[in-house]
Amino acid sequence: MRRLLTISILLVASCASGEGGLAEGELLGQAPVVNTAPAAGDYETMEEDVARGKLASAREAFLREDYDLCLRIVRETLEEGVPHTVAGEFRALRFEARRLHLSRQIVSARVLGDVDVYPLGEPITLTVVVRNVSNQPVTIVKSGKDVSDSVIVIDAARVDYDIYGNVRSETSRLQVPLPEDLVIPVAGRVEVPFALESGDVKTRHFGFTVLTLSGILRPAVVLWGDAEFYSGIEVDPVEVRIVPPGFEPIAADPIGTIGKAYALGAREHLLLAAELSPPERRERVTEELVDLLRDAPPGMAETIMAALRRITGQSIGDRPESWREWWRRQSDG
């Protein structure tokens, strides 16, 4: 009995001292209570992992061009709250998805020329055509509260080609304001005309000009159903040419003009004829120009090689022999 009492006293003393005994609050015959709650840093990591999983789903929808689903995932996730480490990525994806949703699946815009070739000295009249490609009416508001007025920004890239083989380029920008709200029904279109100056006949160069026009429609706001969009709408480009007055006979028969212009020494007419030749006849024109190089005097050879560089896209140089060798390899291939 005394031995049992001694063992009991030792156990009580051991528990009280905390040495090799039970933890505080631990009962005999039970496992220790372990705190399994994650630390604060673990919570943040878990939240970021969940957010990145949703971001991956949104990006997959974006790549499939399912912008509605992409935007819905982004909106719901941001409303729930996301860690600051990924919030910026969600907002950037939202901006790009809204921009492409608007310009690919709601409205489209492109520049159209009244004609493909304009005489130098006459205005270049063009039109921006805006189409509704969605299943709901669209309104592009001319003016809005606390925002800039709607405007079409046109970028004009001008490249001059002359009979000496020179190529000069310059760019300019034009702003075309909307005349009124553009109300576009389903499958409908509206047109916004504008004009550019083609240049001064008195100071023209001996050759032609290629003008590429593109831009962006910056709306005050675009209304589509219950949604509002403020992103810019890309304006698809158009390419037009500016040529000397009286070009019509050359345009009517560019293939036949090449030989006549060569015989007369009319270098500018030869350059224009090559440029105005139809794409499906360019191979035949190339062959004829290379043949003419055999006996062409230096000045005419200079113009022929300028024409070849333009219609073939090749930068072979200024030696007629190089062009003949290139064409031989093309023909053999």
C-alpha atoms as a PDB file:
ATOM      1  CA  MET A   1       0.000   0.000   0.000  1.00  0.00           C
ATOM      2  CA  ARG A   2       2.831   2.375   0.881  1.00  0.00           C
ATOM      3  CA  ARG A   3       4.517   1.561  -2.450  1.00  0.00           C
ATOM      4  CA  LEU A   4       1.377   2.422  -4.437  1.00  0.00           C
ATOM      5  CA  LEU A   5       0.966   5.659  -2.500  1.00  0.00           C
ATOM      6  CA  THR A   6       4.570   6.591  -3.243  1.00  0.00           C
ATOM      7  CA  ILE A   7       4.105   6.025  -7.017  1.00  0.00           C
ATOM      8  CA  SER A   8       0.941   8.136  -7.036  1.00  0.00           C
ATOM      9  CA  ILE A   9       2.676  11.006  -5.244  1.00  0.00           C
ATOM     10  CA  LEU A  10       5.544  10.894  -7.775  1.00  0.00           C
ATOM     11  CA  LEU A  11       3.137  11.030 -10.734  1.00  0.00           C
ATOM     12  CA  VAL A  12       1.325  14.024  -9.302  1.00  0.00           C
ATOM     13  CA  ALA A  13       4.583  15.800  -8.661  1.00  0.00           C
ATOM     14  CA  SER A  14       5.817  15.038 -12.180  1.00  0.00           C
ATOM     15  CA  CYS A  15       2.640  16.442 -13.762  1.00  0.00           C
ATOM     16  CA  ALA A  16       2.820  19.534 -11.660  1.00  0.00           C
ATOM     17  CA  SER A  17       6.415  20.194 -12.608  1.00  0.00           C
ATOM     18  CA  GLY A  18       5.805  19.613 -16.370  1.00  0.00           C
ATOM     19  CA  GLU A  19       8.832  17.314 -16.650  1.00  0.00           C
ATOM     20  CA  GLY A  20       8.113  14.245 -18.714  1.00  0.00           C
ATOM     21  CA  GLY A  21       4.456  14.395 -17.747  1.00  0.00           C
ATOM     22  CA  LEU A  22       1.216  15.296 -19.448  1.00  0.00           C
ATOM     23  CA  ALA A  23       0.736  18.625 -21.138  1.00  0.00           C
ATOM     24  CA  GLU A  24      -1.498  21.226 -19.597  1.00  0.00           C
ATOM     25  CA  GLY A  25      -5.122  20.193 -19.934  1.00  0.00           C
ATOM     26  CA  GLU A  26      -4.172  16.653 -21.077  1.00  0.00           C
ATOM     27  CA  LEU A  27      -6.022  13.765 -19.510  1.00  0.00           C
ATOM     28  CA  LEU A  28      -4.624  10.353 -18.749  1.00  0.00           C
ATOM     29  CA  GLY A  29      -5.296   7.906 -21.552  1.00  0.00           C
ATOM     30  CA  GLN A  30      -6.020  10.627 -24.212  1.00  0.00           C
ATOM     31  CA  ALA A  31      -3.884  11.891 -27.127  1.00  0.00           C
ATOM     32  CA  PRO A  32      -2.514  15.450 -26.941  1.00  0.00           C
ATOM     33  CA  VAL A  33      -4.674  18.199 -28.476  1.00  0.00           C
ATOM     34  CA  VAL A  34      -2.853  19.634 -31.533  1.00  0.00           C
ATOM     35  CA  ASN A  35      -3.711  23.067 -33.059  1.00  0.00           C
ATOM     36  CA  THR A  36      -4.214  22.388 -36.837  1.00  0.00           C
ATOM     37  CA  ALA A  37      -5.399  25.876 -37.890  1.00  0.00           C
ATOM     38  CA  PRO A  38      -3.134  27.331 -40.671  1.00  0.00           C
ATOM     39  CA  ALA A  39      -1.079  30.398 -39.989  1.00  0.00           C
ATOM     40  CA  ALA A  40      -2.011  33.767 -41.482  1.00  0.00           C
ATOM     41  CA  GLY A  41       0.606  33.397 -44.217  1.00  0.00           C
ATOM     42  CA  ASP A  42      -0.860  30.032 -45.196  1.00  0.00           C
ATOM     43  CA  TYR A  43      -4.310  31.595 -45.612  1.00  0.00           C
ATOM     44  CA  GLU A  44      -2.865  34.195 -48.019  1.00  0.00           C
ATOM     45  CA  THR A  45      -1.128  31.501 -50.064  1.00  0.00           C
ATOM     46  CA  MET A  46      -4.350  29.485 -50.325  1.00  0.00           C
ATOM     47  CA  GLU A  47      -6.318  32.563 -51.423  1.00  0.00           C
ATOM     48  CA  GLU A  48      -3.744  33.383 -54.088  1.00  0.00           C
ATOM     49  CA  ASP A  49      -3.782  29.801 -55.383  1.00  0.00           C
ATOM     50  CA  VAL A  50      -7.576  29.910 -55.699  1.00  0.00           C
ATOM     51  CA  ALA A  51      -7.432  33.295 -57.437  1.00  0.00           C
ATOM     52  CA  ARG A  52      -4.775  32.110 -59.892  1.00  0.00           C
ATOM     53  CA  GLY A  53      -6.916  29.083 -60.720  1.00  0.00           C
ATOM     54  CA  LYS A  54      -9.792  31.413 -61.616  1.00  0.00           C
ATOM     55  CA  LEU A  55      -7.410  33.654 -63.548  1.00  0.00           C
ATOM     56  CA  ALA A  56      -6.297  30.630 -65.598  1.00  0.00           C
ATOM     57  CA  SER A  57      -9.946  29.797 -66.367  1.00  0.00           C
ATOM     58  CA  ALA A  58     -10.598  33.384 -67.442  1.00  0.00           C
ATOM     59  CA  ARG A  59      -7.550  33.346 -69.705  1.00  0.00           C
ATOM     60  CA  GLU A  60      -8.656  30.089 -71.304  1.00  0.00           C
ATOM     61  CA  ALA A  61     -12.028  31.679 -72.107  1.00  0.00           C
ATOM     62  CA  PHE A  62     -10.195  34.726 -73.473  1.00  0.00           C
ATOM     63  CA  LEU A  63      -8.089  32.588 -75.826  1.00  0.00           C
ATOM     64  CA  ARG A  64     -11.278  30.895 -77.077  1.00  0.00           C
ATOM     65  CA  GLU A  65     -12.630  34.412 -77.731  1.00  0.00           C
ATOM     66  CA  ASP A  66     -15.437  33.715 -75.252  1.00  0.00           C
ATOM     67  CA  TYR A  67     -15.173  37.232 -73.874  1.00  0.00           C
ATOM     68  CA  ASP A  68     -18.541  37.070 -72.078  1.00  0.00           C
ATOM     69  CA  LEU A  69     -17.384  34.137 -69.955  1.00  0.00           C
ATOM     70  CA  CYS A  70     -13.961  35.692 -69.416  1.00  0.00           C
ATOM     71  CA  LEU A  71     -15.473  38.949 -68.178  1.00  0.00           C
ATOM     72  CA  ARG A  72     -17.964  37.153 -65.955  1.00  0.00           C
ATOM     73  CA  ILE A  73     -15.203  35.161 -64.223  1.00  0.00           C
ATOM     74  CA  VAL A  74     -13.129  38.318 -63.744  1.00  0.00           C
ATOM     75  CA  ARG A  75     -16.070  40.352 -62.433  1.00  0.00           C
ATOM     76  CA  GLU A  76     -17.210  37.716 -59.933  1.00  0.00           C
ATOM     77  CA  THR A  77     -13.673  37.094 -58.692  1.00  0.00           C
ATOM     78  CA  LEU A  78     -12.938  40.791 -58.169  1.00  0.00           C
ATOM     79  CA  GLU A  79     -16.247  41.220 -56.324  1.00  0.00           C
ATOM     80  CA  GLU A  80     -15.316  38.363 -53.986  1.00  0.00           C
ATOM     81  CA  GLY A  81     -11.956  39.969 -53.358  1.00  0.00           C
ATOM     82  CA  VAL A  82      -8.530  38.820 -54.491  1.00  0.00           C
ATOM     83  CA  PRO A  83      -5.023  39.231 -53.079  1.00  0.00           C
ATOM     84  CA  HIS A  84      -3.232  42.359 -54.225  1.00  0.00           C
ATOM     85  CA  THR A  85      -0.567  40.164 -55.842  1.00  0.00           C
ATOM     86  CA  VAL A  86      -2.980  39.094 -58.594  1.00  0.00           C
ATOM     87  CA  ALA A  87      -5.523  41.940 -58.676  1.00  0.00           C
ATOM     88  CA  GLY A  88      -3.560  43.818 -61.333  1.00  0.00           C
ATOM     89  CA  GLU A  89      -3.528  40.773 -63.632  1.00  0.00           C
ATOM     90  CA  PHE A  90      -7.313  40.458 -63.378  1.00  0.00           C
ATOM     91  CA  ARG A  91      -7.795  44.144 -64.225  1.00  0.00           C
ATOM     92  CA  ALA A  92      -5.419  43.959 -67.203  1.00  0.00           C
ATOM     93  CA  LEU A  93      -7.271  40.918 -68.543  1.00  0.00           C
ATOM     94  CA  ARG A  94     -10.601  42.695 -68.059  1.00  0.00           C
ATOM     95  CA  PHE A  95      -9.393  45.708 -70.040  1.00  0.00           C
ATOM     96  CA  GLU A  96      -8.164  43.593 -72.956  1.00  0.00           C
ATOM     97  CA  ALA A  97     -11.262  41.369 -72.977  1.00  0.00           C
ATOM     98  CA  ARG A  98     -13.591  44.382 -73.047  1.00  0.00           C
ATOM     99  CA  ARG A  99     -11.564  45.971 -75.842  1.00  0.00           C
ATOM    100  CA  LEU A 100     -11.653  42.881 -78.058  1.00  0.00           C
ATOM    101  CA  HIS A 101     -15.257  42.090 -77.187  1.00  0.00           C
ATOM    102  CA  LEU A 102     -16.216  45.546 -78.407  1.00  0.00           C
ATOM    103  CA  SER A 103     -14.093  45.671 -81.561  1.00  0.00           C
ATOM    104  CA  ARG A 104     -14.583  42.065 -82.684  1.00  0.00           C
ATOM    105  CA  GLN A 105     -18.010  40.987 -81.524  1.00  0.00           C
ATOM    106  CA  ILE A 106     -20.027  44.191 -81.192  1.00  0.00           C
ATOM    107  CA  VAL A 107     -18.840  46.746 -83.756  1.00  0.00           C
ATOM    108  CA  SER A 108     -16.234  46.841 -86.523  1.00  0.00           C
ATOM    109  CA  ALA A 109     -14.789  49.803 -88.387  1.00  0.00           C
ATOM    110  CA  ARG A 110     -12.711  50.244 -91.527  1.00  0.00           C
ATOM    111  CA  VAL A 111     -11.624  52.981 -93.919  1.00  0.00           C
ATOM    112  CA  LEU A 112     -12.848  52.775 -97.508  1.00  0.00           C
ATOM    113  CA  GLY A 113     -11.686  54.921-100.390  1.00  0.00           C
ATOM    114  CA  ASP A 114     -14.180  56.155-102.950  1.00  0.00           C
ATOM    115  CA  VAL A 115     -11.705  54.868-105.571  1.00  0.00           C
ATOM    116  CA  ASP A 116      -8.378  53.010-105.492  1.00  0.00           C
ATOM    117  CA  VAL A 117      -6.407  55.632-107.451  1.00  0.00           C
ATOM    118  CA  TYR A 118      -6.613  59.416-107.010  1.00  0.00           C
ATOM    119  CA  PRO A 119      -5.181  62.076-109.343  1.00  0.00           C
ATOM    120  CA  LEU A 120      -2.628  64.318-107.709  1.00  0.00           C
ATOM    121  CA  GLY A 121      -4.128  67.712-106.877  1.00  0.00           C
ATOM    122  CA  GLU A 122      -7.643  66.425-106.179  1.00  0.00           C
ATOM    123  CA  PRO A 123      -9.076  65.732-102.694  1.00  0.00           C
ATOM    124  CA  ILE A 124      -8.863  62.182-101.415  1.00  0.00           C
ATOM    125  CA  THR A 125     -12.411  61.412-100.317  1.00  0.00           C
ATOM    126  CA  LEU A 126     -12.799  58.507 -97.935  1.00  0.00           C
ATOM    127  CA  THR A 127     -15.322  57.007 -95.538  1.00  0.00           C
ATOM    128  CA  VAL A 128     -15.104  55.269 -92.187  1.00  0.00           C
ATOM    129  CA  VAL A 129     -17.737  52.530 -92.190  1.00  0.00           C
ATOM    130  CA  VAL A 130     -18.893  51.364 -88.742  1.00  0.00           C
ATOM    131  CA  ARG A 131     -20.900  48.116 -88.629  1.00  0.00           C
ATOM    132  CA  ASN A 132     -22.937  46.441 -85.916  1.00  0.00           C
ATOM    133  CA  VAL A 133     -21.858  42.779 -85.874  1.00  0.00           C
ATOM    134  CA  SER A 134     -23.764  41.856 -82.706  1.00  0.00           C
ATOM    135  CA  ASN A 135     -27.320  40.767 -81.925  1.00  0.00           C
ATOM    136  CA  GLN A 136     -28.321  44.019 -80.191  1.00  0.00           C
ATOM    137  CA  PRO A 137     -28.545  47.653 -81.303  1.00  0.00           C
ATOM    138  CA  VAL A 138     -25.454  49.785 -80.695  1.00  0.00           C
ATOM    139  CA  THR A 139     -25.165  53.498 -80.005  1.00  0.00           C
ATOM    140  CA  ILE A 140     -21.863  55.342 -80.133  1.00  0.00           C
ATOM    141  CA  VAL A 141     -22.528  58.536 -78.232  1.00  0.00           C
ATOM    142  CA  LYS A 142     -21.049  61.710 -79.684  1.00  0.00           C
ATOM    143  CA  SER A 143     -20.624  63.478 -76.320  1.00  0.00           C
ATOM    144  CA  GLY A 144     -20.776  62.220 -72.769  1.00  0.00           C
ATOM    145  CA  LYS A 145     -20.578  63.639 -69.271  1.00  0.00           C
ATOM    146  CA  ASP A 146     -17.058  63.986 -67.872  1.00  0.00           C
ATOM    147  CA  VAL A 147     -15.509  62.302 -70.934  1.00  0.00           C
ATOM    148  CA  SER A 148     -13.966  63.553 -74.166  1.00  0.00           C
ATOM    149  CA  ASP A 149     -16.115  63.740 -77.287  1.00  0.00           C
ATOM    150  CA  SER A 150     -16.020  60.811 -79.680  1.00  0.00           C
ATOM    151  CA  VAL A 151     -13.403  61.147 -82.404  1.00  0.00           C
ATOM    152  CA  ILE A 152     -11.898  58.981 -85.149  1.00  0.00           C
ATOM    153  CA  VAL A 153      -8.111  59.289 -85.160  1.00  0.00           C
ATOM    154  CA  ILE A 154      -6.759  58.569 -88.655  1.00  0.00           C
ATOM    155  CA  ASP A 155      -3.076  57.773 -89.154  1.00  0.00           C
ATOM    156  CA  ALA A 156      -1.828  58.336 -92.704  1.00  0.00           C
ATOM    157  CA  ALA A 157       1.412  56.662 -93.763  1.00  0.00           C
ATOM    158  CA  ARG A 158       2.599  58.172 -97.056  1.00  0.00           C
ATOM    159  CA  VAL A 159       5.341  56.594 -99.178  1.00  0.00           C
ATOM    160  CA  ASP A 160       6.604  58.289-102.359  1.00  0.00           C
ATOM    161  CA  TYR A 161       8.272  56.255-105.127  1.00  0.00           C
ATOM    162  CA  ASP A 162      10.080  57.970-107.999  1.00  0.00           C
ATOM    163  CA  ILE A 163      11.736  57.050-111.295  1.00  0.00           C
ATOM    164  CA  TYR A 164      15.215  57.246-109.741  1.00  0.00           C
ATOM    165  CA  GLY A 165      14.507  54.496-107.231  1.00  0.00           C
ATOM    166  CA  ASN A 166      14.136  56.865-104.295  1.00  0.00           C
ATOM    167  CA  VAL A 167      11.641  56.013-101.574  1.00  0.00           C
ATOM    168  CA  ARG A 168      10.529  58.683 -99.128  1.00  0.00           C
ATOM    169  CA  SER A 169       8.045  58.218 -96.295  1.00  0.00           C
ATOM    170  CA  GLU A 170       6.236  60.388 -93.801  1.00  0.00           C
ATOM    171  CA  THR A 171       3.304  60.050 -91.428  1.00  0.00           C
ATOM    172  CA  SER A 172       0.560  62.387 -90.375  1.00  0.00           C
ATOM    173  CA  ARG A 173      -2.526  62.269 -88.168  1.00  0.00           C
ATOM    174  CA  LEU A 174      -6.040  63.563 -88.675  1.00  0.00           C
ATOM    175  CA  GLN A 175      -8.917  63.748 -86.204  1.00  0.00           C
ATOM    176  CA  VAL A 176     -12.438  63.230 -87.551  1.00  0.00           C
ATOM    177  CA  PRO A 177     -15.153  64.155 -85.013  1.00  0.00           C
ATOM    178  CA  LEU A 178     -18.449  62.304 -85.082  1.00  0.00           C
ATOM    179  CA  PRO A 179     -21.163  64.518 -86.579  1.00  0.00           C
ATOM    180  CA  GLU A 180     -23.821  63.017 -84.274  1.00  0.00           C
ATOM    181  CA  ASP A 181     -24.633  59.940 -82.202  1.00  0.00           C
ATOM    182  CA  LEU A 182     -24.152  56.811 -84.307  1.00  0.00           C
ATOM    183  CA  VAL A 183     -27.225  54.645 -83.803  1.00  0.00           C
ATOM    184  CA  ILE A 184     -26.613  51.317 -85.520  1.00  0.00           C
ATOM    185  CA  PRO A 185     -29.330  48.637 -85.717  1.00  0.00           C
ATOM    186  CA  VAL A 186     -28.531  44.939 -85.745  1.00  0.00           C
ATOM    187  CA  ALA A 187     -26.625  44.099 -88.969  1.00  0.00           C
ATOM    188  CA  GLY A 188     -26.678  47.815 -89.837  1.00  0.00           C
ATOM    189  CA  ARG A 189     -23.921  50.282 -90.721  1.00  0.00           C
ATOM    190  CA  VAL A 190     -23.251  53.995 -90.611  1.00  0.00           C
ATOM    191  CA  GLU A 191     -20.752  56.035 -92.625  1.00  0.00           C
ATOM    192  CA  VAL A 192     -18.581  58.940 -91.536  1.00  0.00           C
ATOM    193  CA  PRO A 193     -17.022  60.712 -94.566  1.00  0.00           C
ATOM    194  CA  PHE A 194     -13.809  62.729 -94.498  1.00  0.00           C
ATOM    195  CA  ALA A 195     -11.205  64.012 -96.974  1.00  0.00           C
ATOM    196  CA  LEU A 196      -7.458  64.564 -97.294  1.00  0.00           C
ATOM    197  CA  GLU A 197      -5.398  66.695 -99.613  1.00  0.00           C
ATOM    198  CA  SER A 198      -3.523  64.653-102.210  1.00  0.00           C
ATOM    199  CA  GLY A 199      -0.755  67.221-102.702  1.00  0.00           C
ATOM    200  CA  ASP A 200       0.297  70.073-104.928  1.00  0.00           C
ATOM    201  CA  VAL A 201       0.663  69.297-108.645  1.00  0.00           C
ATOM    202  CA  LYS A 202       3.293  72.007-109.029  1.00  0.00           C
ATOM    203  CA  THR A 203       5.637  70.427-106.493  1.00  0.00           C
ATOM    204  CA  ARG A 204       5.054  66.783-107.337  1.00  0.00           C
ATOM    205  CA  HIS A 205       7.794  64.183-107.595  1.00  0.00           C
ATOM    206  CA  PHE A 206       8.241  62.040-110.727  1.00  0.00           C
ATOM    207  CA  GLY A 207       6.444  58.916-109.686  1.00  0.00           C
ATOM    208  CA  PHE A 208       3.501  57.922-107.498  1.00  0.00           C
ATOM    209  CA  THR A 209       2.461  57.786-103.859  1.00  0.00           C
ATOM    210  CA  VAL A 210       1.024  54.950-101.787  1.00  0.00           C
ATOM    211  CA  LEU A 211      -1.123  56.115 -98.887  1.00  0.00           C
ATOM    212  CA  THR A 212      -2.089  53.688 -96.108  1.00  0.00           C
ATOM    213  CA  LEU A 213      -4.827  54.891 -93.770  1.00  0.00           C
ATOM    214  CA  SER A 214      -5.730  53.262 -90.471  1.00  0.00           C
ATOM    215  CA  GLY A 215      -6.691  54.435 -87.018  1.00  0.00           C
ATOM    216  CA  ILE A 216      -8.905  54.099 -83.989  1.00  0.00           C
ATOM    217  CA  LEU A 217     -12.375  55.275 -83.083  1.00  0.00           C
ATOM    218  CA  ARG A 218     -12.220  56.717 -79.564  1.00  0.00           C
ATOM    219  CA  PRO A 219     -15.805  56.826 -78.268  1.00  0.00           C
ATOM    220  CA  ALA A 220     -17.200  58.944 -75.479  1.00  0.00           C
ATOM    221  CA  VAL A 221     -19.173  55.808 -74.633  1.00  0.00           C
ATOM    222  CA  VAL A 222     -20.625  52.840 -76.529  1.00  0.00           C
ATOM    223  CA  LEU A 223     -24.046  51.647 -75.378  1.00  0.00           C
ATOM    224  CA  TRP A 224     -24.873  47.981 -75.986  1.00  0.00           C
ATOM    225  CA  GLY A 225     -27.829  46.576 -74.117  1.00  0.00           C
ATOM    226  CA  ASP A 226     -27.188  47.276 -70.444  1.00  0.00           C
ATOM    227  CA  ALA A 227     -23.429  47.480 -70.962  1.00  0.00           C
ATOM    228  CA  GLU A 228     -21.245  50.527 -71.481  1.00  0.00           C
ATOM    229  CA  PHE A 229     -17.864  50.443 -73.210  1.00  0.00           C
ATOM    230  CA  TYR A 230     -15.172  53.093 -73.296  1.00  0.00           C
ATOM    231  CA  SER A 231     -12.446  51.222 -75.172  1.00  0.00           C
ATOM    232  CA  GLY A 232     -11.162  52.338 -78.564  1.00  0.00           C
ATOM    233  CA  ILE A 233     -12.341  50.542 -81.705  1.00  0.00           C
ATOM    234  CA  GLU A 234      -9.620  49.703 -84.193  1.00  0.00           C
ATOM    235  CA  VAL A 235     -10.188  51.017 -87.721  1.00  0.00           C
ATOM    236  CA  ASP A 236      -8.998  48.521 -90.329  1.00  0.00           C
ATOM    237  CA  PRO A 237      -6.678  50.039 -92.958  1.00  0.00           C
ATOM    238  CA  VAL A 238      -7.047  50.822 -96.618  1.00  0.00           C
ATOM    239  CA  GLU A 239      -4.343  51.494 -99.215  1.00  0.00           C
ATOM    240  CA  VAL A 240      -4.829  53.994-102.044  1.00  0.00           C
ATOM    241  CA  ARG A 241      -2.503  55.457-104.675  1.00  0.00           C
ATOM    242  CA  ILE A 242      -1.943  59.021-105.753  1.00  0.00           C
ATOM    243  CA  VAL A 243      -0.695  59.392-109.332  1.00  0.00           C
ATOM    244  CA  PRO A 244      -0.086  62.255-111.782  1.00  0.00           C
ATOM    245  CA  PRO A 245      -3.117  63.693-113.609  1.00  0.00           C
ATOM    246  CA  GLY A 246      -3.972  62.031-116.911  1.00  0.00           C
ATOM    247  CA  PHE A 247      -3.125  58.520-115.727  1.00  0.00           C
ATOM    248  CA  GLU A 248      -6.364  56.991-117.025  1.00  0.00           C
ATOM    249  CA  PRO A 249      -4.961  55.613-120.336  1.00  0.00           C
ATOM    250  CA  ILE A 250      -2.160  53.892-118.398  1.00  0.00           C
ATOM    251  CA  ALA A 251      -4.604  52.407-115.894  1.00  0.00           C
ATOM    252  CA  ALA A 252      -6.782  51.159-118.755  1.00  0.00           C
ATOM    253  CA  ASP A 253      -3.924  49.127-120.293  1.00  0.00           C
ATOM    254  CA  PRO A 254      -0.929  48.929-117.936  1.00  0.00           C
ATOM    255  CA  ILE A 255       0.524  45.798-119.563  1.00  0.00           C
ATOM    256  CA  GLY A 256       0.469  47.304-123.048  1.00  0.00           C
ATOM    257  CA  THR A 257       1.873  50.598-121.759  1.00  0.00           C
ATOM    258  CA  ILE A 258       5.139  49.106-120.485  1.00  0.00           C
ATOM    259  CA  GLY A 259       6.607  48.349-123.925  1.00  0.00           C
ATOM    260  CA  LYS A 260       5.380  51.648-125.388  1.00  0.00           C
ATOM    261  CA  ALA A 261       6.800  53.667-122.491  1.00  0.00           C
ATOM    262  CA  TYR A 262      10.159  51.909-122.837  1.00  0.00           C
ATOM    263  CA  ALA A 263      10.318  52.653-126.555  1.00  0.00           C
ATOM    264  CA  LEU A 264       9.519  56.332-125.958  1.00  0.00           C
ATOM    265  CA  GLY A 265      11.847  56.688-122.999  1.00  0.00           C
ATOM    266  CA  ALA A 266       8.864  57.662-120.821  1.00  0.00           C
ATOM    267  CA  ARG A 267      10.268  56.528-117.486  1.00  0.00           C
ATOM    268  CA  GLU A 268       7.407  57.784-115.325  1.00  0.00           C
ATOM    269  CA  HIS A 269       4.798  56.075-117.525  1.00  0.00           C
ATOM    270  CA  LEU A 270       6.715  52.795-117.258  1.00  0.00           C
ATOM    271  CA  LEU A 271       6.881  53.059-113.465  1.00  0.00           C
ATOM    272  CA  LEU A 272       3.148  53.830-113.260  1.00  0.00           C
ATOM    273  CA  ALA A 273       2.238  51.002-115.625  1.00  0.00           C
ATOM    274  CA  ALA A 274       4.083  48.463-113.494  1.00  0.00           C
ATOM    275  CA  GLU A 275       2.425  49.779-110.330  1.00  0.00           C
ATOM    276  CA  LEU A 276      -1.073  49.763-111.833  1.00  0.00           C
ATOM    277  CA  SER A 277      -0.770  46.274-113.307  1.00  0.00           C
ATOM    278  CA  PRO A 278      -3.223  43.803-111.735  1.00  0.00           C
ATOM    279  CA  PRO A 279      -1.789  41.416-109.107  1.00  0.00           C
ATOM    280  CA  GLU A 280      -2.580  38.345-111.180  1.00  0.00           C
ATOM    281  CA  ARG A 281      -0.409  39.711-114.024  1.00  0.00           C
ATOM    282  CA  ARG A 282       2.583  40.712-111.902  1.00  0.00           C
ATOM    283  CA  GLU A 283       4.609  37.643-112.860  1.00  0.00           C
ATOM    284  CA  ARG A 284       4.207  38.457-116.540  1.00  0.00           C
ATOM    285  CA  VAL A 285       5.138  42.098-115.885  1.00  0.00           C
ATOM    286  CA  THR A 286       8.216  41.027-113.918  1.00  0.00           C
ATOM    287  CA  GLU A 287       9.380  38.838-116.781  1.00  0.00           C
ATOM    288  CA  GLU A 288       8.940  41.655-119.288  1.00  0.00           C
ATOM    289  CA  LEU A 289      10.796  44.177-117.134  1.00  0.00           C
ATOM    290  CA  VAL A 290      13.720  41.810-116.604  1.00  0.00           C
ATOM    291  CA  ASP A 291      13.885  41.227-120.376  1.00  0.00           C
ATOM    292  CA  LEU A 292      13.950  44.982-120.989  1.00  0.00           C
ATOM    293  CA  LEU A 293      16.926  45.311-118.645  1.00  0.00           C
ATOM    294  CA  ARG A 294      19.167  43.549-121.168  1.00  0.00           C
ATOM    295  CA  ASP A 295      19.521  46.551-123.466  1.00  0.00           C
ATOM    296  CA  ALA A 296      18.121  49.367-121.304  1.00  0.00           C
ATOM    297  CA  PRO A 297      20.174  52.572-121.137  1.00  0.00           C
ATOM    298  CA  PRO A 298      21.296  53.556-117.613  1.00  0.00           C
ATOM    299  CA  GLY A 299      18.448  55.955-116.844  1.00  0.00           C
ATOM    300  CA  MET A 300      15.743  53.573-118.011  1.00  0.00           C
ATOM    301  CA  ALA A 301      17.440  50.653-116.228  1.00  0.00           C
ATOM    302  CA  GLU A 302      17.296  52.684-113.029  1.00  0.00           C
ATOM    303  CA  THR A 303      13.526  53.083-113.389  1.00  0.00           C
ATOM    304  CA  ILE A 304      12.967  49.448-114.372  1.00  0.00           C
ATOM    305  CA  MET A 305      14.795  48.251-111.265  1.00  0.00           C
ATOM    306  CA  ALA A 306      12.749  50.684-109.138  1.00  0.00           C
ATOM    307  CA  ALA A 307       9.581  49.148-110.602  1.00  0.00           C
ATOM    308  CA  LEU A 308      10.881  45.624-109.962  1.00  0.00           C
ATOM    309  CA  ARG A 309      11.649  46.379-106.327  1.00  0.00           C
ATOM    310  CA  ARG A 310       8.145  47.706-105.852  1.00  0.00           C
ATOM    311  CA  ILE A 311       6.157  44.898-107.478  1.00  0.00           C
ATOM    312  CA  THR A 312       8.321  41.978-106.289  1.00  0.00           C
ATOM    313  CA  GLY A 313       9.250  43.192-102.823  1.00  0.00           C
ATOM    314  CA  GLN A 314      12.855  42.156-103.515  1.00  0.00           C
ATOM    315  CA  SER A 315      15.816  44.333-102.525  1.00  0.00           C
ATOM    316  CA  ILE A 316      18.329  42.923-104.957  1.00  0.00           C
ATOM    317  CA  GLY A 317      20.217  46.107-105.691  1.00  0.00           C
ATOM    318  CA  ASP A 318      21.070  48.328-108.654  1.00  0.00           C
ATOM    319  CA  ARG A 319      22.882  45.871-110.921  1.00  0.00           C
ATOM    320  CA  PRO A 320      20.802  44.591-113.873  1.00  0.00           C
ATOM    321  CA  GLU A 321      22.834  41.359-113.836  1.00  0.00           C
ATOM    322  CA  SER A 322      21.633  40.620-110.309  1.00  0.00           C
ATOM    323  CA  TRP A 323      18.004  40.951-111.360  1.00  0.00           C
ATOM    324  CA  ARG A 324      18.493  38.717-114.385  1.00  0.00           C
ATOM    325  CA  GLU A 325      20.197  36.075-112.248  1.00  0.00           C
ATOM    326  CA  TRP A 326      17.400  36.278-109.673  1.00  0.00           C
ATOM    327  CA  TRP A 327      14.738  35.849-112.340  1.00  0.00           C
ATOM    328  CA  ARG A 328      16.607  32.908-113.866  1.00  0.00           C
ATOM    329  CA  ARG A 329      16.583  31.143-110.492  1.00  0.00           C
ATOM    330  CA  GLN A 330      12.895  31.935-110.059  1.00  0.00           C
ATOM    331  CA  SER A 331      12.076  30.539-113.479  1.00  0.00           C
ATOM    332  CA  ASP A 332      14.159  27.391-112.960  1.00  0.00           C
ATOM    333  CA  GLY A 333      12.572  26.766-109.600  1.00  0.00           C
END
